[in-house]
Amino acid sequence: QVQLVESGGGLVQPGGSLRLSCAASGSIFSSNTMGWYRQAPGNQRELVATITSSGSTDFADSVKGRFTISRDNAKNTVYLQMNSLTPEDTAVYYCNMAFWVGTLRRQYWGQGTQVTVSS
């Protein structure tokens, strides 16, 4: 089992910044992908950004140029730096870890952290 614990959400004004963190613990395979997804009320959960254990990244078009993702493999922690936030970024942000165990893909989720962008 893998546990993911998120922190760093909160209320921020438009144009502001927030940094989310997610620490993983448990039976973690060294080759994995960590990332962030978000879900706004009435919407489906969507990908925000992912990063592999080797450092390859992927971003949703809506956050490119504003968000960065990084990780500390020694700490099994992933970070999401969010700049130039807009009200459209308001959502619950979920941390995700995925890896293959043989032919089975394992996926784990954090409990979610609320990000609210409002004046």
Protein backbone atom coordinates (compact mmCIF):
# COMPACT_ATOMS: atom_id res chain seq x y z
CA GLN A 1 0.00 0.00 0.00
CA VAL A 2 1.02 3.59 -0.63
CA GLN A 3 -0.09 6.60 1.35
CA LEU A 4 -0.05 10.11 -0.09
CA VAL A 5 -0.33 13.16 2.15
CA GLU A 6 -0.90 16.56 0.56
CA SER A 7 -0.35 20.00 2.02
CA GLY A 8 -0.22 23.62 0.92
CA GLY A 9 -3.70 24.41 -0.30
CA GLY A 10 -5.64 27.47 0.75
CA LEU A 11 -7.15 30.77 -0.32
CA VAL A 12 -5.19 33.08 -2.59
CA GLN A 13 -6.03 36.20 -4.55
CA PRO A 14 -6.00 36.20 -8.37
CA GLY A 15 -2.46 36.59 -9.61
CA GLY A 16 -1.05 35.01 -6.48
CA SER A 17 0.96 31.85 -5.95
CA LEU A 18 0.69 28.65 -3.96
CA ARG A 19 2.94 25.64 -3.55
CA LEU A 20 1.47 22.20 -3.00
CA SER A 21 3.44 19.30 -1.56
CA CYS A 22 2.70 15.60 -1.51
CA ALA A 23 4.70 13.07 0.47
CA ALA A 24 4.44 9.39 -0.37
CA SER A 25 5.14 6.52 1.98
CA GLY A 26 4.71 2.76 1.95
CA SER A 27 5.56 0.17 -0.67
CA ILE A 28 6.85 2.46 -3.40
CA PHE A 29 8.50 1.28 -6.57
CA SER A 30 11.45 3.45 -7.49
CA SER A 31 10.25 3.81 -11.09
CA ASN A 32 7.02 5.74 -10.78
CA THR A 33 5.09 8.73 -11.96
CA MET A 34 3.76 11.29 -9.52
CA GLY A 35 1.41 14.06 -10.38
CA TRP A 36 -1.44 16.36 -9.60
CA TYR A 37 -5.03 16.27 -10.77
CA ARG A 38 -7.84 18.64 -9.91
CA GLN A 39 -11.59 18.57 -9.75
CA ALA A 40 -13.81 21.63 -9.68
CA PRO A 41 -17.47 21.40 -8.65
CA GLY A 42 -19.54 19.87 -11.43
CA ASN A 43 -16.47 18.92 -13.44
CA GLN A 44 -14.58 15.72 -13.99
CA ARG A 45 -11.17 15.21 -12.43
CA GLU A 46 -8.51 16.43 -14.84
CA LEU A 47 -4.77 16.14 -15.14
CA VAL A 48 -2.75 19.16 -14.08
CA ALA A 49 0.84 17.93 -14.27
CA THR A 50 2.90 14.78 -13.92
CA ILE A 51 6.56 13.98 -13.44
CA THR A 52 8.32 10.65 -13.78
CA SER A 53 11.05 9.43 -11.47
CA SER A 54 13.54 10.33 -14.20
CA GLY A 55 12.22 13.90 -14.38
CA SER A 56 10.06 13.91 -17.52
CA THR A 57 7.11 16.25 -17.14
CA ASP A 58 3.72 16.75 -18.70
CA PHE A 59 1.30 19.64 -18.21
CA ALA A 60 -2.27 20.47 -19.06
CA ASP A 61 -2.42 23.23 -21.67
CA SER A 62 -4.33 25.43 -19.23
CA VAL A 63 -1.41 25.58 -16.78
CA LYS A 64 1.61 25.61 -19.09
CA GLY A 65 3.86 28.54 -18.33
CA ARG A 66 2.23 29.15 -14.95
CA PHE A 67 2.71 25.90 -13.03
CA THR A 68 5.87 23.89 -12.46
CA ILE A 69 6.20 20.40 -11.04
CA SER A 70 9.24 18.97 -9.32
CA ARG A 71 10.12 16.07 -7.08
CA ASP A 72 12.60 14.92 -4.49
CA ASN A 73 13.09 11.21 -5.06
CA ALA A 74 15.00 10.77 -1.80
CA LYS A 75 11.96 12.08 0.08
CA ASN A 76 9.33 10.58 -2.25
CA THR A 77 7.81 14.02 -2.43
CA VAL A 78 6.33 15.92 -5.34
CA TYR A 79 5.73 19.66 -5.48
CA LEU A 80 3.44 21.82 -7.58
CA GLN A 81 4.35 25.48 -7.80
CA MET A 82 1.35 27.46 -9.01
CA ASN A 83 1.85 31.04 -10.17
CA SER A 84 -0.45 33.60 -11.76
CA LEU A 85 -3.46 31.84 -10.34
CA THR A 86 -6.91 32.63 -11.69
CA PRO A 87 -10.37 31.81 -10.34
CA GLU A 88 -10.52 29.04 -12.95
CA ASP A 89 -7.80 27.24 -10.99
CA THR A 90 -10.14 26.85 -8.03
CA ALA A 91 -10.57 23.14 -7.35
CA VAL A 92 -9.67 20.29 -5.07
CA TYR A 93 -6.17 19.19 -6.03
CA TYR A 94 -5.31 15.51 -5.71
CA CYS A 95 -1.87 13.96 -5.59
CA ASN A 96 -1.37 10.78 -7.59
CA MET A 97 1.28 8.09 -7.78
CA ALA A 98 1.33 5.34 -10.38
CA PHE A 99 3.71 2.51 -11.18
CA TRP A 100 3.75 -0.89 -12.80
CA VAL A 101 4.01 -4.09 -10.81
CA GLY A 102 4.65 -6.63 -13.52
CA THR A 103 1.75 -6.18 -15.93
CA LEU A 104 -0.49 -4.48 -13.36
CA ARG A 105 -0.65 -0.69 -13.08
CA ARG A 106 -1.05 0.46 -9.51
CA GLN A 107 -2.46 3.90 -8.82
CA TYR A 108 -2.90 5.74 -5.55
CA TRP A 109 -4.57 9.02 -4.60
CA GLY A 110 -4.21 11.51 -1.81
CA GLN A 111 -7.16 12.88 0.10
CA GLY A 112 -7.17 16.17 -1.79
CA THR A 113 -6.43 19.74 -0.82
CA GLN A 114 -8.65 22.71 -1.60
CA VAL A 115 -7.28 25.59 -3.64
CA THR A 116 -9.51 28.65 -3.84
CA VAL A 117 -8.58 31.66 -5.97
CA SER A 118 -10.76 34.60 -5.11
CA SER A 119 -10.55 38.28 -4.27
